[in-house]
């Protein structure tokens, strides 16, 4: 059970990292396109 809980936590943190990376790339894209 502990291993599955750790895997679930790592998957959640991994998806959150992907979401933040996508948001950062989109915001940078709009920032550079405006300038």
PDB file of N, CA and C in Angstrom:
ATOM      1  N   UNK A   1       0.838  -1.213   0.000  1.00  0.00           N
ATOM      2  CA  UNK A   1       0.000   0.000   0.000  1.00  0.00           C
ATOM      3  C   UNK A   1       0.876   1.267   0.000  1.00  0.00           C
ATOM      4  N   UNK A   2       1.972   1.245   0.757  1.00  0.00           N
ATOM      5  CA  UNK A   2       2.823   2.432   0.807  1.00  0.00           C
ATOM      6  C   UNK A   2       3.394   2.754  -0.578  1.00  0.00           C
ATOM      7  N   UNK A   3       3.820   1.719  -1.303  1.00  0.00           N
ATOM      8  CA  UNK A   3       4.422   1.948  -2.624  1.00  0.00           C
ATOM      9  C   UNK A   3       3.395   2.571  -3.571  1.00  0.00           C
ATOM     10  N   UNK A   4       2.160   2.071  -3.536  1.00  0.00           N
ATOM     11  CA  UNK A   4       1.135   2.618  -4.431  1.00  0.00           C
ATOM     12  C   UNK A   4       0.827   4.064  -4.062  1.00  0.00           C
ATOM     13  N   UNK A   5       0.833   4.386  -2.773  1.00  0.00           N
ATOM     14  CA  UNK A   5       0.578   5.766  -2.360  1.00  0.00           C
ATOM     15  C   UNK A   5       1.696   6.683  -2.847  1.00  0.00           C
ATOM     16  N   UNK A   6       2.935   6.219  -2.751  1.00  0.00           N
ATOM     17  CA  UNK A   6       4.068   7.027  -3.228  1.00  0.00           C
ATOM     18  C   UNK A   6       3.961   7.239  -4.737  1.00  0.00           C
ATOM     19  N   UNK A   7       3.586   6.192  -5.465  1.00  0.00           N
ATOM     20  CA  UNK A   7       3.443   6.312  -6.919  1.00  0.00           C
ATOM     21  C   UNK A   7       2.344   7.323  -7.258  1.00  0.00           C
ATOM     22  N   UNK A   8       1.228   7.276  -6.526  1.00  0.00           N
ATOM     23  CA  UNK A   8       0.140   8.225  -6.787  1.00  0.00           C
ATOM     24  C   UNK A   8       0.619   9.651  -6.529  1.00  0.00           C
ATOM     25  N   UNK A   9       1.372   9.868  -5.451  1.00  0.00           N
ATOM     26  CA  UNK A   9       1.850  11.214  -5.139  1.00  0.00           C
ATOM     27  C   UNK A   9       2.817  11.701  -6.211  1.00  0.00           C
ATOM     28  N   UNK A  10       3.698  10.810  -6.685  1.00  0.00           N
ATOM     29  CA  UNK A  10       4.650  11.225  -7.713  1.00  0.00           C
ATOM     30  C   UNK A  10       3.924  11.530  -9.020  1.00  0.00           C
ATOM     31  N   UNK A  11       2.877  10.768  -9.330  1.00  0.00           N
ATOM     32  CA  UNK A  11       2.124  11.043 -10.559  1.00  0.00           C
ATOM     33  C   UNK A  11       1.435  12.399 -10.465  1.00  0.00           C
ATOM     34  N   UNK A  12       0.865  12.722  -9.288  1.00  0.00           N
ATOM     35  CA  UNK A  12       0.177  14.004  -9.120  1.00  0.00           C
ATOM     36  C   UNK A  12       1.191  15.146  -9.256  1.00  0.00           C
ATOM     37  N   UNK A  13       2.346  15.026  -8.600  1.00  0.00           N
ATOM     38  CA  UNK A  13       3.349  16.083  -8.684  1.00  0.00           C
ATOM     39  C   UNK A  13       3.880  16.197 -10.117  1.00  0.00           C
ATOM     40  N   UNK A  14       3.993  15.071 -10.824  1.00  0.00           N
ATOM     41  CA  UNK A  14       4.481  15.099 -12.205  1.00  0.00           C
ATOM     42  C   UNK A  14       3.492  15.845 -13.098  1.00  0.00           C
ATOM     43  N   UNK A  15       2.189  15.561 -12.952  1.00  0.00           N
ATOM     44  CA  UNK A  15       1.190  16.245 -13.771  1.00  0.00           C
ATOM     45  C   UNK A  15       1.154  17.723 -13.419  1.00  0.00           C
ATOM     46  N   UNK A  16       1.323  18.063 -12.137  1.00  0.00           N
ATOM     47  CA  UNK A  16       1.337  19.477 -11.762  1.00  0.00           C
ATOM     48  C   UNK A  16       2.539  20.178 -12.382  1.00  0.00           C
ATOM     49  N   UNK A  17       3.683  19.484 -12.435  1.00  0.00           N
ATOM     50  CA  UNK A  17       4.863  20.083 -13.071  1.00  0.00           C
ATOM     51  C   UNK A  17       4.601  20.321 -14.551  1.00  0.00           C
ATOM     52  N   UNK A  18       3.962  19.372 -15.226  1.00  0.00           N
ATOM     53  CA  UNK A  18       3.656  19.524 -16.652  1.00  0.00           C
ATOM     54  C   UNK A  18       2.733  20.725 -16.853  1.00  0.00           C
ATOM     55  N   UNK A  19       1.698  20.848 -16.001  1.00  0.00           N
ATOM     56  CA  UNK A  19       0.761  21.967 -16.136  1.00  0.00           C
ATOM     57  C   UNK A  19       1.488  23.292 -15.945  1.00  0.00           C
ATOM     58  N   UNK A  20       2.351  23.381 -14.949  1.00  0.00           N
ATOM     59  CA  UNK A  20       3.079  24.635 -14.717  1.00  0.00           C
ATOM     60  C   UNK A  20       4.019  24.934 -15.874  1.00  0.00           C
ATOM     61  N   UNK A  21       4.645  23.884 -16.439  1.00  0.00           N
ATOM     62  CA  UNK A  21       5.550  24.085 -17.570  1.00  0.00           C
ATOM     63  C   UNK A  21       4.781  24.615 -18.773  1.00  0.00           C
ATOM     64  N   UNK A  22       3.595  24.045 -19.036  1.00  0.00           N
ATOM     65  CA  UNK A  22       2.775  24.492 -20.165  1.00  0.00           C
ATOM     66  C   UNK A  22       2.340  25.936 -19.948  1.00  0.00           C
ATOM     67  N   UNK A  23       1.907  26.270 -18.731  1.00  0.00           N
ATOM     68  CA  UNK A  23       1.474  27.645 -18.439  1.00  0.00           C
ATOM     69  C   UNK A  23       2.649  28.606 -18.620  1.00  0.00           C
ATOM     70  N   UNK A  24       3.838  28.206 -18.171  1.00  0.00           N
ATOM     71  CA  UNK A  24       5.013  29.072 -18.313  1.00  0.00           C
ATOM     72  C   UNK A  24       5.347  29.283 -19.789  1.00  0.00           C
ATOM     73  N   UNK A  25       5.298  28.211 -20.588  1.00  0.00           N
ATOM     74  CA  UNK A  25       5.606  28.340 -22.014  1.00  0.00           C
ATOM     75  C   UNK A  25       4.588  29.234 -22.711  1.00  0.00           C
ATOM     76  N   UNK A  26       3.294  29.072 -22.381  1.00  0.00           N
ATOM     77  CA  UNK A  26       2.252  29.887 -23.017  1.00  0.00           C
ATOM     78  C   UNK A  26       2.427  31.352 -22.630  1.00  0.00           C
ATOM     79  N   UNK A  27       2.689  31.623 -21.347  1.00  0.00           N
ATOM     80  CA  UNK A  27       2.849  33.011 -20.913  1.00  0.00           C
ATOM     81  C   UNK A  27       4.087  33.629 -21.560  1.00  0.00           C
ATOM     82  N   UNK A  28       5.184  32.867 -21.675  1.00  0.00           N
ATOM     83  CA  UNK A  28       6.373  33.383 -22.346  1.00  0.00           C
ATOM     84  C   UNK A  28       6.087  33.648 -23.820  1.00  0.00           C
ATOM     85  N   UNK A  29       5.317  32.757 -24.459  1.00  0.00           N
ATOM     86  CA  UNK A  29       4.994  32.933 -25.872  1.00  0.00           C
ATOM     87  C   UNK A  29       4.225  34.231 -26.082  1.00  0.00           C
ATOM     88  N   UNK A  30       3.204  34.473 -25.254  1.00  0.00           N
ATOM     89  CA  UNK A  30       2.426  35.702 -25.399  1.00  0.00           C
ATOM     90  C   UNK A  30       3.272  36.923 -25.037  1.00  0.00           C
ATOM     91  N   UNK A  31       4.157  36.787 -24.048  1.00  0.00           N
ATOM     92  CA  UNK A  31       4.993  37.917 -23.641  1.00  0.00           C
ATOM     93  C   UNK A  31       5.906  38.345 -24.791  1.00  0.00           C
ATOM     94  N   UNK A  32       6.545  37.371 -25.444  1.00  0.00           N
ATOM     95  CA  UNK A  32       7.467  37.705 -26.535  1.00  0.00           C
ATOM     96  C   UNK A  32       6.711  38.127 -27.793  1.00  0.00           C
ATOM     97  N   UNK A  33       5.517  37.583 -28.024  1.00  0.00           N
ATOM     98  CA  UNK A  33       4.757  37.959 -29.218  1.00  0.00           C
ATOM     99  C   UNK A  33       4.221  39.384 -29.084  1.00  0.00           C
ATOM    100  N   UNK A  34       3.900  39.816 -27.851  1.00  0.00           N
ATOM    101  CA  UNK A  34       3.433  41.191 -27.654  1.00  0.00           C
ATOM    102  C   UNK A  34       4.578  42.164 -27.913  1.00  0.00           C
ATOM    103  N   UNK A  35       5.793  41.821 -27.485  1.00  0.00           N
ATOM    104  CA  UNK A  35       6.939  42.695 -27.702  1.00  0.00           C
ATOM    105  C   UNK A  35       7.587  42.341 -29.036  1.00  0.00           C
TER     106      UNK A  35
END
